Every structure is written in structure tokens, then in C-alpha cells.
N, C-alpha and C. Protein backbone atom coordinates (compact mmCIF):
# COMPACT_ATOMS: atom_id res chain seq x y z
N MET A 1 35.74 -3.37 -6.63
CA MET A 1 34.85 -4.00 -5.24
C MET A 1 33.98 -3.41 -4.71
N LEU A 2 32.65 -4.07 -4.59
CA LEU A 2 31.85 -3.05 -3.59
C LEU A 2 32.64 -2.36 -2.35
N ASN A 3 31.79 -0.77 -2.72
CA ASN A 3 31.78 0.72 -1.57
C ASN A 3 30.69 0.46 -1.00
N MET A 4 30.74 0.27 0.22
CA MET A 4 29.88 0.94 1.48
C MET A 4 30.54 1.68 2.16
N GLY A 5 31.38 2.21 1.83
CA GLY A 5 32.06 3.58 2.36
C GLY A 5 30.92 5.16 2.82
N ARG A 6 30.60 5.03 1.71
CA ARG A 6 29.78 6.05 1.54
C ARG A 6 27.79 6.04 0.53
N ARG A 7 27.58 7.15 0.84
CA ARG A 7 26.16 7.00 0.16
C ARG A 7 26.32 6.58 -1.03
N HIS A 8 25.47 5.94 -2.28
CA HIS A 8 26.05 5.67 -3.29
C HIS A 8 24.33 6.23 -3.41
N ILE A 9 24.16 6.93 -4.70
CA ILE A 9 22.43 6.37 -4.77
C ILE A 9 22.35 6.86 -6.15
N GLN A 10 21.62 5.92 -6.87
CA GLN A 10 21.29 5.64 -8.06
C GLN A 10 19.42 5.29 -8.53
N PRO A 11 19.37 5.33 -9.77
CA PRO A 11 17.53 5.84 -9.73
C PRO A 11 17.15 3.98 -9.49
N GLU A 12 16.08 4.64 -9.14
CA GLU A 12 15.06 2.77 -8.83
C GLU A 12 13.79 3.09 -9.59
N LEU A 13 13.49 1.37 -10.27
CA LEU A 13 12.42 1.32 -11.12
C LEU A 13 11.03 1.54 -10.83
N LEU A 14 10.76 2.05 -9.42
CA LEU A 14 9.05 1.04 -8.66
C LEU A 14 8.47 2.13 -9.03
N ASP A 15 8.62 3.80 -9.30
CA ASP A 15 8.07 4.88 -9.33
C ASP A 15 7.87 5.06 -11.05
N GLN A 16 8.39 4.41 -11.82
CA GLN A 16 8.43 4.15 -13.25
C GLN A 16 7.66 2.90 -13.56
N ALA A 17 7.22 2.26 -12.52
CA ALA A 17 6.39 0.40 -13.18
C ALA A 17 5.10 0.87 -13.42
N ALA A 18 4.48 0.43 -14.55
CA ALA A 18 3.49 -0.11 -14.34
C ALA A 18 2.71 -0.36 -13.26
N PRO A 19 1.29 -0.12 -13.11
CA PRO A 19 0.38 -0.51 -11.61
C PRO A 19 0.50 -1.70 -11.39
N GLU A 20 0.34 -2.84 -11.98
CA GLU A 20 0.55 -4.14 -11.50
C GLU A 20 1.04 -5.10 -10.87
N GLU A 21 2.99 -4.40 -11.67
CA GLU A 21 4.04 -4.96 -11.40
C GLU A 21 4.27 -3.45 -9.68
N ALA A 22 4.04 -2.90 -10.08
CA ALA A 22 4.18 -1.74 -8.78
C ALA A 22 3.26 -2.31 -7.69
N ARG A 23 2.20 -2.61 -7.68
CA ARG A 23 1.35 -3.25 -6.63
C ARG A 23 1.88 -4.79 -5.88
N LYS A 24 2.94 -5.14 -6.83
CA LYS A 24 3.50 -6.62 -6.35
C LYS A 24 4.36 -5.79 -5.84
N SER A 25 5.34 -5.11 -5.99
CA SER A 25 6.44 -4.69 -4.92
C SER A 25 5.90 -4.41 -4.13
N LEU A 26 5.05 -3.43 -4.05
CA LEU A 26 4.68 -2.58 -2.89
C LEU A 26 4.29 -3.69 -1.85
N ALA A 27 3.85 -4.92 -1.75
CA ALA A 27 3.39 -5.56 -1.02
C ALA A 27 4.74 -6.35 -0.91
N ASP A 28 5.42 -6.48 -1.17
CA ASP A 28 6.71 -7.18 -1.08
C ASP A 28 7.36 -5.69 0.55
N LEU A 29 7.15 -4.54 -0.25
CA LEU A 29 7.20 -3.39 1.20
C LEU A 29 6.64 -4.03 2.30
N VAL A 30 5.33 -4.04 2.12
CA VAL A 30 4.88 -4.30 3.73
C VAL A 30 5.04 -5.69 3.85
N LYS A 31 5.37 -6.34 3.47
CA LYS A 31 5.91 -8.03 4.07
C LYS A 31 7.08 -7.61 5.03
N LEU A 32 8.41 -6.44 4.31
CA LEU A 32 9.26 -6.29 5.15
C LEU A 32 9.47 -5.22 6.37
N ASN A 33 7.81 -4.37 6.18
CA ASN A 33 8.11 -3.70 6.96
C ASN A 33 7.32 -4.76 8.56
N SER A 34 6.69 -5.17 8.12
CA SER A 34 5.69 -5.72 8.93
C SER A 34 6.37 -7.40 9.80
N ARG A 35 7.42 -8.03 8.57
CA ARG A 35 8.01 -9.38 9.29
C ARG A 35 9.39 -8.99 9.47
N PHE A 36 10.20 -7.68 9.16
CA PHE A 36 11.55 -7.40 9.39
C PHE A 36 11.59 -6.10 10.04
N GLY A 37 11.14 -6.11 10.60
CA GLY A 37 11.36 -4.56 11.28
C GLY A 37 10.78 -2.97 11.19
N GLY A 38 10.13 -2.90 10.38
CA GLY A 38 9.65 -1.75 9.91
C GLY A 38 9.07 -0.77 10.50
N HIS A 39 7.56 -1.92 10.93
CA HIS A 39 6.28 -2.07 12.05
C HIS A 39 6.94 -1.60 13.09
N GLY A 40 7.89 -3.09 13.63
CA GLY A 40 8.29 -2.28 14.98
C GLY A 40 8.79 -1.53 15.18
N ILE A 41 10.04 -0.72 14.47
CA ILE A 41 10.04 0.75 15.32
C ILE A 41 9.91 1.18 15.03
N LEU A 42 8.41 1.14 14.45
CA LEU A 42 7.86 2.52 13.99
C LEU A 42 6.76 2.35 15.72
N ARG A 43 6.72 1.15 16.36
CA ARG A 43 5.70 0.95 17.08
C ARG A 43 7.26 2.01 18.58
N THR A 44 8.06 1.24 18.35
CA THR A 44 8.86 2.02 19.41
C THR A 44 9.36 3.34 19.37
N LEU A 45 9.15 3.86 18.02
CA LEU A 45 9.69 5.48 17.95
C LEU A 45 7.87 6.31 18.96
N LEU A 46 6.84 5.51 18.20
CA LEU A 46 5.37 6.07 18.99
C LEU A 46 5.22 6.07 20.47
N ALA A 47 6.02 5.00 20.73
CA ALA A 47 5.96 4.72 22.49
C ALA A 47 6.86 5.45 23.18
N ALA A 48 7.76 5.97 22.20
CA ALA A 48 8.78 7.38 23.25
C ALA A 48 7.96 8.35 23.05
N VAL A 49 7.02 8.87 21.75
CA VAL A 49 6.47 10.00 21.95
C VAL A 49 4.88 10.32 22.52
N THR A 50 4.47 8.99 22.72
CA THR A 50 2.92 9.36 23.13
C THR A 50 2.29 8.41 24.16
N GLN A 51 1.75 8.68 24.60
CA GLN A 51 0.75 7.76 25.50
C GLN A 51 -0.20 6.92 24.61
N PRO A 52 -0.60 5.94 25.16
CA PRO A 52 -1.13 4.14 24.39
C PRO A 52 -2.45 4.62 24.18
N SER A 53 -3.38 5.84 25.17
CA SER A 53 -4.97 6.08 24.63
C SER A 53 -4.57 7.66 24.31
N GLU A 54 -3.80 8.26 23.35
CA GLU A 54 -3.22 9.49 22.76
C GLU A 54 -4.37 9.97 21.58
N ALA A 55 -4.85 10.96 21.78
CA ALA A 55 -5.20 11.34 20.16
C ALA A 55 -3.95 12.30 19.55
N PHE A 56 -3.65 11.37 18.30
CA PHE A 56 -2.64 12.90 17.84
C PHE A 56 -2.59 12.37 16.30
N SER A 57 -2.41 13.86 15.55
CA SER A 57 -1.76 13.62 14.13
C SER A 57 -0.31 13.35 14.07
N LEU A 58 -0.70 12.85 12.70
CA LEU A 58 0.74 12.61 12.31
C LEU A 58 0.76 12.24 10.61
N LEU A 59 1.55 13.08 9.76
CA LEU A 59 1.67 12.95 8.06
C LEU A 59 2.87 12.19 8.13
N ASP A 60 2.51 10.90 7.08
CA ASP A 60 3.78 10.04 6.90
C ASP A 60 3.78 10.76 5.45
N VAL A 61 5.20 10.49 4.90
CA VAL A 61 5.82 11.51 3.95
C VAL A 61 5.98 10.09 3.08
N GLY A 62 6.20 9.60 1.83
CA GLY A 62 6.62 8.78 0.84
C GLY A 62 5.57 7.70 1.67
N ALA A 63 4.59 7.54 2.06
CA ALA A 63 3.24 6.70 2.28
C ALA A 63 3.34 5.42 1.54
N ALA A 64 3.26 6.00 0.77
CA ALA A 64 3.38 4.47 -0.79
C ALA A 64 1.58 4.03 -0.35
N SER A 65 1.88 2.74 0.26
CA SER A 65 0.23 1.83 0.08
C SER A 65 -0.57 1.99 1.23
N GLY A 66 -0.24 2.82 2.01
CA GLY A 66 -0.42 3.27 3.47
C GLY A 66 -0.74 2.52 4.53
N ASP A 67 0.56 1.76 4.42
CA ASP A 67 1.01 0.01 5.69
C ASP A 67 0.87 1.32 7.32
N THR A 68 1.79 2.25 6.81
CA THR A 68 2.04 3.18 8.45
C THR A 68 0.68 3.37 8.57
N ALA A 69 -0.54 3.88 7.94
CA ALA A 69 -1.32 4.73 8.50
C ALA A 69 -2.15 3.07 9.40
N ARG A 70 -2.02 1.98 8.36
CA ARG A 70 -3.26 1.25 9.04
C ARG A 70 -2.45 0.56 10.32
N PHE A 71 -1.22 0.66 10.45
CA PHE A 71 -0.78 -0.23 11.48
C PHE A 71 -0.70 1.24 12.63
N ILE A 72 -0.60 1.97 12.37
CA ILE A 72 -0.41 3.10 13.71
C ILE A 72 -2.09 2.90 14.09
N HIS A 73 -3.54 3.17 13.19
CA HIS A 73 -4.80 3.35 13.54
C HIS A 73 -4.86 1.68 14.72
N GLU A 74 -4.28 0.41 14.31
CA GLU A 74 -4.61 -0.93 14.99
C GLU A 74 -3.95 -0.37 16.41
N LEU A 75 -2.66 0.33 16.79
CA LEU A 75 -2.35 0.90 18.12
C LEU A 75 -2.82 2.09 19.06
N TYR A 76 -3.74 2.96 17.73
CA TYR A 76 -4.08 4.26 18.18
C TYR A 76 -5.02 4.82 17.32
N PRO A 77 -6.18 4.19 17.92
CA PRO A 77 -7.68 3.89 16.85
C PRO A 77 -8.20 5.41 17.04
N ARG A 78 -7.43 6.74 18.09
CA ARG A 78 -7.80 7.95 17.73
C ARG A 78 -6.83 8.96 16.75
N ALA A 79 -6.01 8.52 16.58
CA ALA A 79 -4.87 8.67 16.12
C ALA A 79 -5.39 9.39 14.27
N ILE A 80 -5.05 10.82 14.03
CA ILE A 80 -5.45 11.08 12.94
C ILE A 80 -4.07 10.75 11.97
N VAL A 81 -3.96 10.54 10.58
CA VAL A 81 -2.57 9.90 10.10
C VAL A 81 -3.37 10.07 8.29
N VAL A 82 -2.57 11.01 7.96
CA VAL A 82 -2.30 11.55 6.76
C VAL A 82 -1.46 11.07 5.82
N SER A 83 -1.61 9.80 4.48
CA SER A 83 -0.78 9.52 3.65
C SER A 83 -0.30 10.12 2.76
N LEU A 84 0.77 10.87 2.43
CA LEU A 84 1.52 11.71 0.88
C LEU A 84 2.28 10.94 0.43
N ASP A 85 1.65 10.89 -1.00
CA ASP A 85 2.56 10.27 -2.23
C ASP A 85 2.50 10.98 -3.09
N ARG A 86 3.52 11.05 -4.22
CA ARG A 86 3.19 12.02 -5.40
C ARG A 86 2.96 10.53 -6.25
N ASN A 87 3.10 9.86 -6.02
CA ASN A 87 2.83 8.27 -7.48
C ASN A 87 1.20 8.29 -6.82
N ALA A 88 0.32 8.33 -7.75
CA ALA A 88 -0.83 8.24 -7.36
C ALA A 88 -1.10 6.35 -8.25
N THR A 89 -0.12 5.63 -8.40
CA THR A 89 -0.61 3.97 -8.46
C THR A 89 -0.12 3.80 -7.05
N ASN A 90 0.96 4.22 -6.27
CA ASN A 90 0.89 3.70 -4.91
C ASN A 90 0.33 4.14 -3.70
N LEU A 91 -0.43 5.51 -4.14
CA LEU A 91 -1.37 6.32 -2.97
C LEU A 91 -2.84 5.61 -2.96
N ALA A 92 -3.23 4.83 -3.98
CA ALA A 92 -4.45 5.31 -4.13
C ALA A 92 -4.98 3.27 -3.05
N LEU A 93 -3.87 2.69 -2.80
CA LEU A 93 -3.87 1.75 -2.41
C LEU A 93 -4.07 1.75 -0.79
N ALA A 94 -3.79 3.27 -0.03
CA ALA A 94 -3.78 3.64 1.22
C ALA A 94 -5.01 3.98 1.76
N PRO A 95 -5.06 4.45 2.90
CA PRO A 95 -5.95 4.40 3.16
C PRO A 95 -6.67 6.31 3.37
N SER A 96 -7.93 6.70 3.90
CA SER A 96 -7.96 8.02 3.45
C SER A 96 -8.01 8.16 5.01
N PRO A 97 -7.64 9.50 5.03
CA PRO A 97 -7.05 10.52 4.15
C PRO A 97 -5.74 10.54 3.37
N ARG A 98 -5.56 10.36 2.54
CA ARG A 98 -4.62 10.38 1.94
C ARG A 98 -4.55 11.52 0.59
N LEU A 99 -3.27 12.23 0.30
CA LEU A 99 -3.21 13.04 -0.50
C LEU A 99 -2.07 13.12 -1.53
N ARG A 100 -2.65 13.04 -2.20
CA ARG A 100 -1.10 12.77 -3.40
C ARG A 100 -0.24 14.79 -3.62
N GLY A 101 0.91 14.26 -3.57
CA GLY A 101 1.97 15.36 -3.19
C GLY A 101 3.17 15.54 -3.52
N ASP A 102 3.94 16.61 -3.32
CA ASP A 102 5.41 16.70 -3.95
C ASP A 102 5.81 17.11 -2.07
N ALA A 103 6.55 16.05 -2.05
CA ALA A 103 7.17 15.93 -0.49
C ALA A 103 7.98 17.42 -0.70
N PHE A 104 8.75 18.34 -1.48
CA PHE A 104 9.39 19.45 -1.60
C PHE A 104 8.53 20.63 -1.49
N ARG A 105 7.06 20.55 -1.45
CA ARG A 105 6.22 21.83 -1.86
C ARG A 105 4.57 21.10 -1.09
N LEU A 106 5.04 20.99 0.31
CA LEU A 106 4.19 20.01 1.45
C LEU A 106 2.49 21.49 1.24
N PRO A 107 1.55 21.20 1.25
CA PRO A 107 0.46 22.35 1.16
C PRO A 107 0.10 22.38 2.92
N PHE A 108 0.97 22.36 3.54
CA PHE A 108 0.64 22.91 5.06
C PHE A 108 1.27 23.35 6.01
N ALA A 109 0.50 24.64 6.69
CA ALA A 109 0.52 26.09 7.57
C ALA A 109 2.16 24.62 8.35
N ALA A 110 2.65 26.16 8.64
CA ALA A 110 3.64 25.50 10.19
C ALA A 110 2.77 25.01 11.43
N ASP A 111 3.61 24.09 11.76
CA ASP A 111 2.31 23.40 13.13
C ASP A 111 1.15 22.78 12.85
N SER A 112 0.93 22.05 11.46
CA SER A 112 -0.03 21.54 11.38
C SER A 112 -0.65 20.08 11.56
N PHE A 113 1.09 19.62 12.05
CA PHE A 113 0.09 18.19 12.62
C PHE A 113 1.73 18.20 14.29
N ASP A 114 0.98 17.21 14.72
CA ASP A 114 1.79 16.90 16.05
C ASP A 114 3.55 15.84 14.67
N PHE A 115 3.20 15.36 14.55
CA PHE A 115 4.83 14.53 13.90
C PHE A 115 4.50 14.31 12.65
N VAL A 116 5.26 14.57 12.07
CA VAL A 116 5.89 14.08 10.74
C VAL A 116 6.86 12.87 10.70
N PHE A 117 6.10 11.86 9.85
CA PHE A 117 6.73 10.66 9.84
C PHE A 117 7.34 10.50 8.47
N THR A 118 8.73 9.67 8.31
CA THR A 118 9.03 8.96 6.74
C THR A 118 9.57 7.91 7.09
N SER A 119 9.09 6.85 6.40
CA SER A 119 9.30 5.53 6.77
C SER A 119 10.49 5.01 5.16
N LEU A 120 11.55 4.14 5.13
CA LEU A 120 12.06 3.99 3.38
C LEU A 120 12.09 4.90 2.38
N PHE A 121 12.21 6.55 3.31
CA PHE A 121 11.97 7.37 2.09
C PHE A 121 13.14 8.29 1.69
N LEU A 122 14.16 8.94 3.09
CA LEU A 122 15.15 10.02 2.87
C LEU A 122 16.24 9.13 1.63
N HIS A 123 16.45 8.21 2.07
CA HIS A 123 17.64 7.77 1.29
C HIS A 123 17.63 7.73 0.28
N HIS A 124 16.00 7.89 -0.51
CA HIS A 124 16.49 8.07 -2.04
C HIS A 124 17.16 9.81 -2.63
N PHE A 125 17.38 11.00 -1.47
CA PHE A 125 18.31 12.46 -2.17
C PHE A 125 19.62 12.12 -1.85
N GLN A 126 19.64 13.58 -2.26
CA GLN A 126 21.19 13.99 -1.95
C GLN A 126 21.10 14.90 -0.68
N ASP A 127 22.10 14.75 0.18
CA ASP A 127 22.72 15.40 1.48
C ASP A 127 21.33 16.82 2.11
N ASP A 128 21.90 17.32 0.56
CA ASP A 128 21.47 18.72 0.91
C ASP A 128 19.97 18.72 0.20
N GLU A 129 19.81 17.64 -0.26
CA GLU A 129 17.63 17.34 0.15
C GLU A 129 17.22 17.13 1.22
N ILE A 130 17.75 16.18 1.62
CA ILE A 130 17.74 15.65 2.77
C ILE A 130 17.46 16.72 4.11
N VAL A 131 18.21 17.72 4.18
CA VAL A 131 18.37 18.97 5.22
C VAL A 131 17.06 19.50 4.96
N ASP A 132 17.00 20.40 3.57
CA ASP A 132 15.77 20.77 3.20
C ASP A 132 14.44 20.08 2.88
N LEU A 133 14.69 18.42 3.10
CA LEU A 133 13.65 18.12 3.90
C LEU A 133 12.83 17.72 5.21
N LEU A 134 14.22 18.06 5.72
CA LEU A 134 13.90 17.88 7.27
C LEU A 134 13.68 19.46 7.80
N ARG A 135 13.61 20.32 7.03
CA ARG A 135 13.30 21.72 7.53
C ARG A 135 11.85 22.12 7.50
N ARG A 136 11.85 21.49 6.15
CA ARG A 136 9.97 21.57 6.08
C ARG A 136 9.34 20.59 6.79
N PHE A 137 9.75 19.53 6.75
CA PHE A 137 8.86 18.46 8.03
C PHE A 137 8.95 19.41 9.96
N ARG A 138 10.42 20.02 9.74
CA ARG A 138 10.35 20.58 10.98
C ARG A 138 9.07 21.59 11.01
N GLN A 139 9.07 22.43 10.74
CA GLN A 139 8.08 23.84 10.10
C GLN A 139 6.52 23.16 9.87
N ILE A 140 6.04 22.03 9.66
CA ILE A 140 5.14 21.76 10.04
C ILE A 140 4.76 20.60 11.35
N ALA A 141 5.96 19.81 11.87
CA ALA A 141 5.75 19.28 13.14
C ALA A 141 5.58 19.87 14.31
N ARG A 142 4.64 20.08 15.10
CA ARG A 142 4.23 21.10 16.22
C ARG A 142 5.45 20.25 17.65
N ARG A 143 5.26 18.85 17.48
CA ARG A 143 6.14 18.19 18.31
C ARG A 143 7.46 17.22 17.36
N ALA A 144 7.60 16.21 16.69
CA ALA A 144 8.68 15.93 16.83
C ALA A 144 9.00 15.21 15.32
N VAL A 145 9.90 14.78 14.28
CA VAL A 145 9.47 14.46 13.13
C VAL A 145 10.54 13.19 13.80
N LEU A 146 9.92 12.22 13.08
CA LEU A 146 10.37 10.83 13.23
C LEU A 146 10.48 10.15 12.08
N ILE A 147 12.17 9.13 11.74
CA ILE A 147 12.37 8.70 10.71
C ILE A 147 12.87 7.55 10.77
N SER A 148 12.26 6.54 10.09
CA SER A 148 13.24 5.01 10.07
C SER A 148 13.56 5.04 8.84
N ASP A 149 14.53 4.18 8.51
CA ASP A 149 15.49 4.15 7.13
C ASP A 149 16.23 3.00 7.53
N LEU A 150 16.80 2.31 6.27
CA LEU A 150 18.25 1.57 6.34
C LEU A 150 19.37 2.04 6.90
N GLU A 151 20.20 0.70 7.12
CA GLU A 151 21.14 1.54 7.51
C GLU A 151 22.17 0.92 6.16
N ARG A 152 22.87 1.48 5.83
CA ARG A 152 24.04 0.77 4.81
C ARG A 152 25.24 0.00 5.09
N HIS A 153 24.55 -1.46 4.92
CA HIS A 153 25.61 -2.58 6.01
C HIS A 153 25.28 -3.66 4.62
N LEU A 154 26.47 -4.23 4.32
CA LEU A 154 26.52 -5.12 3.34
C LEU A 154 25.88 -6.71 3.96
N VAL A 155 25.27 -6.17 5.14
CA VAL A 155 24.35 -8.11 5.36
C VAL A 155 22.55 -7.51 5.04
N SER A 156 22.42 -6.21 5.14
CA SER A 156 21.13 -5.49 4.31
C SER A 156 21.28 -5.41 2.84
N TYR A 157 22.51 -4.93 2.06
CA TYR A 157 22.72 -5.55 1.04
C TYR A 157 22.60 -6.31 0.02
N CYS A 158 23.05 -7.64 0.94
CA CYS A 158 22.71 -9.35 0.35
C CYS A 158 21.38 -9.31 0.51
N PHE A 159 20.76 -9.23 1.80
CA PHE A 159 19.46 -9.67 2.23
C PHE A 159 18.47 -9.93 1.26
N LEU A 160 18.54 -9.32 0.00
CA LEU A 160 17.30 -9.47 -0.38
C LEU A 160 17.17 -10.47 -1.59
N PRO A 161 18.44 -10.90 -2.61
CA PRO A 161 18.88 -11.83 -3.49
C PRO A 161 19.04 -13.24 -2.39
N ALA A 162 19.75 -13.19 -1.77
CA ALA A 162 19.94 -14.16 -0.62
C ALA A 162 18.95 -14.71 -0.36
N THR A 163 17.38 -14.17 -0.04
CA THR A 163 15.92 -14.76 0.38
C THR A 163 15.68 -14.86 -0.23
N ARG A 164 15.73 -15.24 -1.58
CA ARG A 164 14.62 -14.59 -2.60
C ARG A 164 13.92 -15.67 -2.87
N TRP A 165 15.03 -17.01 -2.92
CA TRP A 165 14.27 -18.55 -3.18
C TRP A 165 13.20 -19.27 -1.74
N LEU A 166 13.23 -18.16 -0.62
CA LEU A 166 12.19 -18.23 -0.03
C LEU A 166 11.06 -17.76 0.29
N TYR A 167 11.01 -15.96 0.38
CA TYR A 167 10.57 -15.18 0.17
C TYR A 167 9.53 -14.85 -1.33
N GLY A 168 10.41 -15.08 -2.08
CA GLY A 168 9.76 -14.98 -3.82
C GLY A 168 9.58 -13.47 -3.89
N TRP A 169 10.59 -12.69 -3.94
CA TRP A 169 11.00 -11.24 -3.95
C TRP A 169 10.57 -11.01 -5.42
N HIS A 170 9.53 -10.28 -5.91
CA HIS A 170 9.35 -9.60 -7.18
C HIS A 170 10.49 -9.18 -7.71
N LYS A 171 10.83 -8.64 -9.04
CA LYS A 171 11.99 -8.88 -9.78
C LYS A 171 12.35 -6.72 -9.76
N LEU A 172 11.24 -6.11 -9.20
CA LEU A 172 11.44 -4.85 -8.98
C LEU A 172 12.20 -4.71 -7.45
N THR A 173 11.55 -5.37 -6.66
CA THR A 173 12.38 -5.12 -5.30
C THR A 173 13.29 -5.76 -5.25
N LEU A 174 14.30 -6.87 -6.32
CA LEU A 174 15.38 -7.30 -6.08
C LEU A 174 16.10 -6.00 -6.89
N HIS A 175 15.56 -5.52 -7.99
CA HIS A 175 16.52 -4.20 -8.21
C HIS A 175 16.46 -3.35 -7.38
N ASP A 176 15.75 -2.73 -6.89
CA ASP A 176 15.48 -1.46 -6.09
C ASP A 176 16.19 -1.69 -4.58
N GLY A 177 16.20 -2.95 -4.04
CA GLY A 177 16.47 -2.80 -2.43
C GLY A 177 17.83 -2.73 -2.57
N PRO A 178 18.64 -3.50 -3.16
CA PRO A 178 20.34 -3.07 -2.73
C PRO A 178 20.64 -1.71 -3.33
N ILE A 179 20.08 -1.38 -4.30
CA ILE A 179 20.51 0.51 -4.82
C ILE A 179 19.61 0.85 -3.09
N SER A 180 19.00 0.51 -2.64
CA SER A 180 18.54 0.99 -1.76
C SER A 180 19.49 1.40 -0.99
N VAL A 181 19.90 -0.03 -0.71
CA VAL A 181 20.54 0.13 0.66
C VAL A 181 21.86 0.80 0.56
N ARG A 182 22.58 0.87 -0.85
CA ARG A 182 23.78 1.80 -1.01
C ARG A 182 23.26 3.15 -0.83
N ALA A 183 22.11 3.85 -0.84
CA ALA A 183 22.46 5.18 -0.54
C ALA A 183 21.52 5.45 0.71
N ALA A 184 21.31 4.55 1.52
CA ALA A 184 21.41 4.80 2.76
C ALA A 184 22.63 5.27 3.60
N PHE A 185 21.91 4.95 5.09
CA PHE A 185 22.89 5.76 5.84
C PHE A 185 24.07 4.73 7.15
N THR A 186 24.99 5.36 7.55
CA THR A 186 25.09 5.18 9.11
C THR A 186 24.16 6.19 9.89
N SER A 187 24.42 5.88 11.55
CA SER A 187 23.62 6.49 12.39
C SER A 187 24.05 7.82 12.86
N ASP A 188 25.39 7.96 12.15
CA ASP A 188 26.11 9.40 12.73
C ASP A 188 25.58 10.40 10.76
N GLU A 189 25.87 9.55 10.13
CA GLU A 189 25.13 10.52 9.26
C GLU A 189 23.88 11.18 9.59
N LEU A 190 22.88 10.42 9.90
CA LEU A 190 21.49 10.88 10.22
C LEU A 190 21.43 11.14 10.77
N ARG A 191 22.05 11.63 12.15
CA ARG A 191 22.47 12.31 12.91
C ARG A 191 22.80 14.04 12.57
N ASP A 192 23.43 13.95 11.98
CA ASP A 192 24.01 15.09 11.15
C ASP A 192 23.40 15.64 10.53
N LEU A 193 22.73 14.98 9.88
CA LEU A 193 21.41 15.75 8.63
C LEU A 193 20.22 16.59 9.44
N ALA A 194 20.24 15.94 10.80
CA ALA A 194 19.20 15.79 11.10
C ALA A 194 19.24 17.49 12.01
N VAL A 195 20.67 17.82 12.49
CA VAL A 195 21.50 18.43 13.02
C VAL A 195 21.27 19.80 12.50
N ARG A 196 21.97 19.93 11.20
CA ARG A 196 21.83 20.49 10.16
C ARG A 196 20.85 20.91 9.53
N ALA A 197 19.77 20.97 10.05
CA ALA A 197 18.13 20.99 9.64
C ALA A 197 17.59 21.50 10.63
N GLY A 198 17.71 21.46 11.94
CA GLY A 198 17.77 21.99 12.98
C GLY A 198 17.00 21.44 13.91
N LEU A 199 17.04 20.13 13.44
CA LEU A 199 16.01 18.93 14.74
C LEU A 199 17.30 19.20 15.94
N HIS A 200 16.21 19.10 17.00
CA HIS A 200 17.17 18.81 18.10
C HIS A 200 16.78 16.96 18.19
N VAL A 201 18.25 16.42 18.18
CA VAL A 201 18.23 15.03 18.05
C VAL A 201 17.97 14.53 19.46
N ALA A 202 17.08 13.48 20.09
CA ALA A 202 16.51 13.16 20.95
C ALA A 202 17.31 11.94 21.65
N VAL A 203 16.90 10.95 20.00
CA VAL A 203 17.35 9.49 19.80
C VAL A 203 17.66 8.87 18.36
N VAL A 204 18.54 8.65 18.34
CA VAL A 204 19.37 7.69 17.20
C VAL A 204 19.47 6.45 16.98
N THR A 205 18.86 5.61 17.21
CA THR A 205 19.22 4.14 17.26
C THR A 205 19.26 3.31 16.15
N THR A 206 20.31 2.34 15.99
CA THR A 206 20.50 1.38 15.36
C THR A 206 19.87 -0.16 15.47
N HIS A 207 19.00 -0.66 14.75
CA HIS A 207 18.52 -1.48 14.72
C HIS A 207 19.03 -3.23 13.98
N HIS A 208 19.02 -3.75 15.00
CA HIS A 208 19.68 -5.39 14.30
C HIS A 208 18.76 -6.32 14.72
N PRO A 209 18.33 -7.36 13.64
CA PRO A 209 18.98 -8.01 12.82
C PRO A 209 18.21 -7.34 11.53
N SER A 210 17.24 -6.05 11.92
CA SER A 210 16.88 -5.70 10.85
C SER A 210 17.80 -4.60 9.80
N PHE A 211 18.72 -3.97 10.16
CA PHE A 211 19.68 -3.14 10.06
C PHE A 211 19.25 -1.70 9.33
N ARG A 212 18.08 -1.43 10.23
CA ARG A 212 17.91 -0.20 9.67
C ARG A 212 18.03 0.67 11.22
N ILE A 213 17.64 2.24 10.75
CA ILE A 213 18.23 3.36 11.46
C ILE A 213 16.83 4.17 11.85
N SER A 214 17.30 4.59 13.09
CA SER A 214 15.50 5.41 13.64
C SER A 214 15.85 6.71 13.94
N LEU A 215 15.03 7.58 14.22
CA LEU A 215 15.83 8.73 14.62
C LEU A 215 14.01 9.68 15.15
N VAL A 216 14.71 10.57 16.34
CA VAL A 216 13.45 11.54 16.46
C VAL A 216 14.20 12.54 16.82
N GLY A 217 13.49 13.66 15.89
CA GLY A 217 14.04 14.76 15.99
C GLY A 217 12.70 15.64 16.75
N ASN A 218 13.08 16.58 17.52
CA ASN A 218 12.68 17.36 18.44
C ASN A 218 12.23 18.70 17.80
N CYS A 219 10.99 19.10 17.86
CA CYS A 219 10.77 20.22 17.67
C CYS A 219 10.87 21.11 18.08
N ILE A 220 10.67 20.67 19.59
CA ILE A 220 10.39 21.91 20.79
C ILE A 220 11.47 21.49 21.48
N GLY A 221 12.54 22.40 21.60
CA GLY A 221 13.89 22.27 22.71
C GLY A 221 13.73 22.63 23.53
């Protein structure tokens, strides 16, 4: 029987995929963000920590094809968003400024950005690695670390296979999506990891029907 009671991490295919196949799966991820909650959650997170006409800087870690940067620029034309990803194929589609790099070896000094944001990224790592990443993000962010990820739930696990006929999800997406859900979090788990990393957790929200979780971790207490 499928066990959704704890995190279970398995390898995913996207990072090893051929460029053309990877682009098709990345297009699915953009569709999931735009139609099924990702961008809406980002809008809510930013509204909680910024003003509508504000100029701010944000580092998007695990940016993939850069749809976060494009969406933020629509909302906040004065914002500076740096997209960072270690996969050159993914990052080639992102708008400038973009940087290929390792999240565990970020080439930035303390307080380099107002915000560090990550979406659908942390679930790829073990708990201790996540705490390490969040500590690094906390050092770089002057104001807050913003997290958007999946909720580990049977509904989200079944969503992609159940809607394949309607949306035509790519085979990589169909393989990686359920694996990502099994590696994802409950709200208490994500909160505990952030606290272990020294973040002052302001808000943890579970979003339905998208079955995602967001967290605002303040860097100034």
C-alpha cells in the first residue's frame, strides 16, 4: 500500500533528460504554475512582504526556465530577479540576469538580496540538506526567505496521471510528478525545517485545491 505518512525521496528524470525532452517537461511545469496555483501563491507571498510599486531584489534558487522571474516582472516592474539553476539546459530559457550555480555553493555575500525564493525545489533533498540550504538562504537574504512547495497528499499524488487525458502531460512530468509529491512536506514538517535553520517563521499556509505549501521565513526578528 502507498505510504504517504513520511517523506520518500527517489531520483527524478528531468535533470538527466535530453534538451528537447527537458523543454517539454519544463513547459508542463510552467503550465502547472500558471494554472494550478504556483503563480497565485507567489503573488500572495510577495504581497505579504512588499508594496505594489516597490523596488526589491530577489534570488530565485532552482529557477528552471525562469517563469518566476517573468511573473514577478509583470507584477513589480522595478524588481531585480536573478534566476539560478545548476542545469544549463533549463536555465537557457530563463530571462537575464541568470546564473548557473550550485545552491549549496552560492557565490553571494551576506545580505546580497532582499529575498531568496524557491519553488518546487526543496523536496528534492533530505531534511538535513534542506536545513543547510535554508541557513545559506537566510545568510543571503536581508528580509525574508520565501518558500513554495508541494503538500504530500494522495490527491496531489494522483493529479497528473488522472488528468493526462485532458492536459497531455509529457512522460517526464508523469514520471517525476508523483515522485515529487512523495518527497514533499506537511506544513508542520516544513515549519520545523525552517525553525531548525534559524528562520523566524511568520506564516505557513497550506493551499487547496492546489495542494501546495508556502512559508515566509523572516531574516530579521
